[in-house]
Protein backbone atom coordinates (compact mmCIF):
# COMPACT_ATOMS: atom_id res chain seq x y z
CA MET A 1 -24.51 -11.61 -3.69
CA ILE A 2 -22.34 -9.82 -1.18
CA LEU A 3 -25.34 -6.92 -0.39
CA LYS A 4 -27.61 -9.89 -0.01
CA GLN A 5 -25.17 -11.45 2.39
CA ILE A 6 -24.57 -7.93 4.64
CA ASN A 7 -28.64 -7.65 4.60
CA SER A 8 -29.25 -10.97 5.77
CA SER A 9 -26.65 -10.82 8.15
CA VAL A 10 -27.93 -6.77 9.59
CA THR A 11 -31.64 -8.71 9.82
CA LEU A 12 -29.94 -11.35 11.98
CA LEU A 13 -28.45 -8.31 14.15
CA ALA A 14 -31.62 -6.47 14.36
CA ARG A 15 -33.36 -8.78 16.14
CA ASN A 16 -31.08 -8.71 18.78
CA ASN A 17 -31.44 -5.02 19.34
CA ILE A 18 -27.78 -4.06 18.21
CA SER A 19 -27.41 -0.10 16.67
CA LEU A 20 -28.13 0.34 12.85
CA ALA A 21 -24.00 1.55 12.61
CA THR A 22 -23.30 -1.39 15.07
CA GLN A 23 -25.12 -3.86 12.67
CA VAL A 24 -24.04 -2.63 9.41
CA THR A 25 -19.96 -2.75 11.01
CA ARG A 26 -20.58 -6.19 11.95
CA ALA A 27 -22.48 -7.46 8.96
CA LEU A 28 -19.51 -5.93 6.73
CA THR A 29 -16.62 -7.32 8.81
CA LYS A 30 -18.03 -10.68 8.62
CA THR A 31 -19.23 -11.07 4.74
CA CYS A 32 -16.18 -9.26 3.42
CA ALA A 33 -13.75 -11.83 5.48
CA SER A 34 -16.29 -14.41 3.90
CA CYS A 35 -16.12 -13.25 0.43
CA TYR A 36 -12.39 -12.18 0.75
CA ALA A 37 -11.58 -16.07 1.77
CA THR A 38 -12.65 -17.24 -1.22
CA MET A 39 -12.42 -14.67 -4.05
CA PRO A 40 -9.36 -15.03 -6.71
CA LYS A 41 -7.54 -11.23 -6.58
CA ALA A 42 -4.71 -11.71 -9.18
CA LEU A 43 -5.23 -12.62 -12.85
CA PRO A 44 -2.39 -13.60 -12.86
CA GLU A 45 0.75 -12.01 -11.30
CA LYS A 46 2.87 -11.22 -14.61
CA ALA A 47 1.84 -7.32 -15.72
CA TYR A 48 0.06 -6.71 -18.82
CA SER A 49 1.58 -4.78 -21.75
CA GLN A 50 0.95 -2.99 -25.27
CA GLY A 51 -1.07 -5.51 -27.28
CA SER A 52 -2.70 -7.92 -24.14
CA SER A 53 -6.10 -8.11 -23.69
CA CYS A 54 -8.06 -7.07 -21.00
CA PRO A 55 -9.10 -9.49 -18.76
CA PRO A 56 -13.04 -9.80 -18.23
CA LEU A 57 -14.14 -7.98 -15.32
CA ALA A 58 -17.44 -9.33 -13.85
CA GLN A 59 -20.53 -7.08 -12.54
CA ASP A 60 -19.65 -6.09 -9.08
CA THR A 61 -16.27 -7.14 -8.85
CA LEU A 62 -13.89 -4.39 -7.27
CA ARG A 63 -10.68 -4.71 -8.96
CA MET A 64 -7.46 -3.00 -8.65
CA TYR A 65 -5.01 -2.28 -11.14
CA SER A 66 -1.81 -2.22 -9.56
CA MET A 67 2.43 -2.97 -10.31
CA ARG A 68 4.24 -4.99 -8.07
CA PHE A 69 6.99 -3.07 -6.92
CA CYS A 70 4.98 0.37 -6.72
CA PRO A 71 4.68 1.54 -2.94
CA TYR A 72 1.66 3.63 -3.73
CA VAL A 73 0.32 0.93 -4.70
CA GLN A 74 1.05 -0.80 -1.67
CA ARG A 75 -1.00 1.39 0.66
CA THR A 76 -4.36 1.00 -1.26
CA ARG A 77 -3.25 -2.66 -1.12
CA LEU A 78 -2.87 -2.65 3.00
CA VAL A 79 -6.01 -1.16 3.03
CA LEU A 80 -7.56 -3.83 1.11
CA GLU A 81 -6.12 -6.69 3.12
CA HIS A 82 -6.93 -4.52 6.68
CA LYS A 83 -10.58 -4.77 5.83
CA GLN A 84 -10.08 -7.87 3.89
CA ILE A 85 -12.45 -6.28 1.01
CA PRO A 86 -12.82 -9.07 -1.92
CA HIS A 87 -10.94 -7.74 -5.10
CA GLN A 88 -8.83 -8.71 -7.78
CA ILE A 89 -5.65 -7.36 -8.85
CA VAL A 90 -4.16 -6.61 -12.22
CA ASN A 91 -0.48 -5.48 -12.53
CA ILE A 92 0.06 -3.09 -15.63
CA ASN A 93 3.56 -2.81 -17.07
CA LEU A 94 4.21 0.98 -16.84
CA MET A 95 6.42 1.37 -19.92
CA SER A 96 3.97 -0.09 -22.03
CA LYS A 97 0.67 0.54 -20.73
CA PRO A 98 -1.96 -1.31 -22.77
CA ASP A 99 -4.69 0.67 -24.39
CA TRP A 100 -7.25 -0.78 -23.01
CA PHE A 101 -5.80 0.47 -20.00
CA LEU A 102 -5.70 3.97 -20.94
CA ASP A 103 -9.42 4.11 -21.71
CA ILE A 104 -9.71 3.13 -18.36
CA ALA A 105 -7.53 5.21 -16.10
CA PRO A 106 -6.70 8.27 -19.19
CA LEU A 107 -3.93 9.44 -16.97
CA GLY A 108 -2.17 5.74 -16.59
CA LEU A 109 -1.82 5.86 -12.63
CA VAL A 110 -1.42 3.26 -10.64
CA PRO A 111 -3.51 2.55 -7.99
CA THR A 112 -6.72 2.70 -9.99
CA LEU A 113 -9.75 0.97 -8.24
CA GLN A 114 -12.08 0.20 -10.42
CA TYR A 115 -16.12 -0.88 -9.84
CA ASN A 116 -18.74 -1.41 -12.44
CA ASP A 117 -18.80 2.16 -14.05
CA ARG A 118 -17.07 4.04 -10.88
CA ILE A 119 -12.93 4.97 -11.20
CA VAL A 120 -10.55 6.04 -8.52
CA TYR A 121 -7.23 6.49 -8.50
CA GLY A 122 -4.26 7.62 -6.54
CA SER A 123 -3.39 5.96 -3.28
CA GLU A 124 -4.43 8.56 -0.93
CA VAL A 125 -7.98 9.14 -2.70
CA CYS A 126 -8.39 5.20 -2.86
CA ASN A 127 -7.75 4.75 0.30
CA ASP A 128 -9.99 7.00 1.68
CA TYR A 129 -12.98 6.48 -0.32
CA LEU A 130 -12.45 3.01 0.58
CA ASP A 131 -12.40 3.66 4.07
CA ALA A 132 -15.46 5.39 3.37
CA ILE A 133 -17.39 2.65 2.30
CA TYR A 134 -16.24 -0.22 3.82
CA PRO A 135 -16.37 1.50 7.33
CA HIS A 136 -15.70 -1.76 9.01
CA LYS A 137 -12.16 -1.67 10.70
CA ALA A 138 -12.21 1.73 10.19
CA LEU A 139 -8.35 3.32 9.36
CA ASN A 140 -9.28 7.35 9.47
CA PRO A 141 -10.23 9.01 12.63
CA SER A 142 -13.88 9.66 12.81
CA ASP A 143 -13.42 12.90 14.53
CA PRO A 144 -12.61 15.56 11.99
CA PHE A 145 -10.31 17.65 13.79
CA LEU A 146 -8.13 13.88 14.30
CA PHE A 147 -8.48 13.18 10.63
CA ALA A 148 -7.26 16.80 9.71
CA GLN A 149 -4.27 16.03 11.75
CA GLN A 150 -3.67 12.96 10.62
CA ARG A 151 -4.12 14.26 6.88
CA GLN A 152 -1.30 16.91 7.83
CA HIS A 153 1.16 14.30 9.12
CA ARG A 154 0.79 12.61 5.89
CA ASP A 155 2.29 15.64 3.67
CA PRO A 156 5.80 16.07 5.26
CA PHE A 157 6.74 12.34 4.22
CA THR A 158 6.96 13.84 0.32
CA LYS A 159 10.61 14.88 1.04
CA PHE A 160 11.53 11.23 2.38
CA GLU A 161 9.56 9.70 -0.61
CA LEU A 162 11.49 11.65 -3.47
CA THR A 163 14.53 11.35 -2.04
CA LEU A 164 14.20 7.68 -1.82
CA LEU A 165 12.91 7.06 -5.51
CA LYS A 166 16.49 8.61 -6.56
CA LEU A 167 17.93 5.23 -5.54
CA ARG A 168 16.48 4.27 -9.26
CA ARG A 169 19.11 5.80 -10.87
CA GLY A 170 21.58 3.21 -9.09
CA PHE A 171 23.99 3.02 -6.39
CA PRO A 172 24.96 6.93 -5.16
CA ASP A 173 28.37 8.18 -5.13
CA ASP A 174 29.78 9.11 -1.73
CA GLU A 175 28.85 12.58 -1.93
CA THR A 176 25.37 12.36 -3.11
CA LYS A 177 25.05 9.12 -0.36
CA LYS A 178 25.74 12.12 2.51
CA GLN A 179 23.26 14.31 0.98
CA MET A 180 20.29 11.68 0.92
CA VAL A 181 21.03 10.17 4.36
CA SER A 182 20.45 13.91 5.71
CA LYS A 183 17.45 14.75 3.94
CA LEU A 184 16.32 11.06 4.84
CA LEU A 185 17.10 11.91 8.59
CA ALA A 186 15.60 15.42 8.51
CA SER A 187 11.93 13.33 7.53
CA LEU A 188 12.26 10.83 10.17
CA GLU A 189 13.28 13.26 12.81
CA TYR A 190 9.50 14.59 12.06
CA TYR A 191 7.45 11.31 12.53
CA GLU A 192 9.53 10.03 15.59
CA ASN A 193 8.81 13.48 17.33
CA VAL A 194 4.98 12.60 16.43
CA LEU A 195 5.48 9.36 17.96
CA SER A 196 6.77 11.09 21.05
CA THR A 197 4.08 13.64 21.41
CA ILE A 198 1.09 10.84 20.58
CA ASP A 199 2.93 8.45 22.93
CA LYS A 200 1.16 5.54 21.25
CA PRO A 201 2.22 2.45 19.98
CA PHE A 202 1.12 3.61 16.11
CA PHE A 203 0.23 6.91 14.67
CA GLY A 204 -3.36 5.82 14.59
CA GLY A 205 -3.41 5.30 18.53
CA ALA A 206 -3.52 2.11 20.00
CA GLU A 207 -3.89 0.40 16.68
CA VAL A 208 -3.16 0.80 13.31
CA GLY A 209 -4.80 3.63 10.97
CA MET A 210 -4.29 4.94 7.96
CA LEU A 211 -0.96 7.17 8.41
CA ASP A 212 0.50 3.96 9.63
CA TYR A 213 -0.45 2.23 5.82
CA HIS A 214 0.18 5.67 4.14
CA LEU A 215 4.42 5.19 5.47
CA TRP A 216 4.95 1.53 6.09
CA PRO A 217 5.64 0.66 2.38
CA TRP A 218 8.83 3.25 2.43
CA PHE A 219 9.69 1.90 5.48
CA GLU A 220 9.88 -1.71 3.47
CA ARG A 221 12.00 -0.44 1.05
CA LEU A 222 14.52 0.77 4.32
CA PRO A 223 16.75 -2.55 3.96
CA VAL A 224 17.15 -1.45 0.25
CA LEU A 225 18.38 2.08 1.63
CA THR A 226 21.10 -0.14 4.02
CA VAL A 227 22.07 -1.86 1.42
CA MET A 228 22.48 1.56 -1.05
CA LEU A 229 24.09 4.00 1.19
CA GLY A 230 25.83 1.67 3.47
CA TYR A 231 23.65 3.29 6.72
CA ASP A 232 21.02 2.11 8.21
CA VAL A 233 18.96 5.35 8.79
CA LEU A 234 16.69 3.79 11.76
CA SER A 235 19.40 3.47 14.14
CA ASP A 236 18.90 7.51 15.04
CA VAL A 237 15.66 7.15 15.52
CA PRO A 238 14.25 4.67 18.19
CA LEU A 239 11.00 5.06 18.63
CA LEU A 240 10.40 4.37 14.87
CA ARG A 241 12.66 1.49 15.24
CA GLN A 242 10.10 0.15 17.55
CA TRP A 243 6.99 1.51 15.64
CA GLU A 244 8.53 -0.28 12.29
CA GLU A 245 9.12 -3.72 14.50
CA ARG A 246 5.32 -3.43 15.49
CA MET A 247 4.45 -2.80 12.01
CA GLN A 248 6.13 -6.06 10.94
CA ASP A 249 3.43 -8.26 12.84
CA ASP A 250 0.46 -6.85 11.35
CA ASN A 251 -1.47 -8.96 8.98
CA ALA A 252 -1.66 -6.57 6.29
CA VAL A 253 2.19 -6.08 5.97
CA ARG A 254 2.48 -9.51 6.32
CA ALA A 255 0.43 -10.13 3.40
CA THR A 256 1.62 -7.39 0.91
CA ARG A 257 5.53 -7.15 1.53
CA LEU A 258 8.12 -8.42 -0.55
CA PRO A 259 11.73 -9.70 0.05
CA THR A 260 14.24 -7.35 0.15
CA LYS A 261 16.24 -8.90 -2.74
CA GLN A 262 13.53 -8.52 -5.23
CA HIS A 263 13.47 -5.03 -4.71
CA LEU A 264 17.06 -4.62 -5.08
CA ALA A 265 16.66 -6.85 -8.32
CA TYR A 266 13.60 -4.65 -9.27
CA LEU A 267 16.08 -1.38 -8.56
CA ALA A 268 18.99 -2.64 -10.67
CA SER A 269 16.37 -3.43 -13.74
CA HIS A 270 15.29 0.08 -13.38
CA ALA A 271 18.78 1.36 -13.22
CA ALA A 272 19.52 -0.40 -16.03
CA GLY A 273 16.70 0.95 -18.26
CA LYS A 274 14.64 -1.46 -18.28
CA PRO A 275 12.73 -2.15 -15.49
CA ASN A 276 11.40 -5.73 -14.82
CA PHE A 277 7.50 -5.60 -13.37
CA ASP A 278 7.71 -9.51 -13.34
CA THR A 279 10.96 -9.44 -10.77
CA GLY A 280 10.59 -12.41 -9.11
CA LEU A 281 7.93 -14.54 -10.87
CA ASP A 282 10.35 -15.12 -13.56
CA ASN A 283 13.44 -16.23 -11.82
CA THR A 284 15.29 -13.87 -13.14
CA LEU A 285 16.65 -11.84 -10.16
CA THR A 286 20.17 -10.13 -10.76
CA ASP A 287 23.43 -10.45 -9.06
CA VAL A 288 22.64 -7.49 -6.51
CA GLN A 289 21.91 -9.94 -4.30
CA ALA A 290 25.16 -10.91 -3.75
CA LYS A 291 25.35 -7.67 -2.12
CA LEU A 292 22.82 -8.59 0.73
């Protein structure tokens, strides 16, 4: 159905002597937006666990296997929302993965994308794949050198990610807090320098690009850092602060973000050894809200 709509749109644009590349891009943008608006994306939001049955997947339907609080999943959700790609979301209990999910994704990783018999996993792989097969509203640079530069800028953020993931253990002691703040600031200063060098509102340039979405999920969780570390790490990186404020207005960011209270409640459940992947769906937010 989607391909028929694209072909119809391309035929119409061709009559007006518009280049093939422009035809395809415009047709994809129009068709994806139309289908996106009418297609359900969650089935339902609560996570599927051991013993559950795999929800039926219709032919030619893009599905993403997900976990609501996973920053890596959010990266791919941002791309799907940015491009308005029609898709379904199936959330997985990562502590009790269904056998049918492991049959689909033997490594048990999220995000995992499935389209008929095609399966890819890992946020960076999924995002670059989506940007290639849905070229409208491109996020990666078309110039190979600029693309390589953007890819290089992804790697240093790993240290920030690993430091932030330690918060899953619970509130750190004072000495650990100091060490974490030092490591986080060192990572953020790298990206502060990148913004200073390119002198653009976004890492992607004048508009949001793939690197912006690569970084964003962790910035959404910075208010959690402020609560747990007692320090606002963005206070020392003004350009990143301005970037963070601009990103707040992005439509994909608005569509994918969760309240800080939910992030804190999920982390509290994780620190207690019983991650609640349905936090916020079952009205069981913990008393960590009182710390906000």
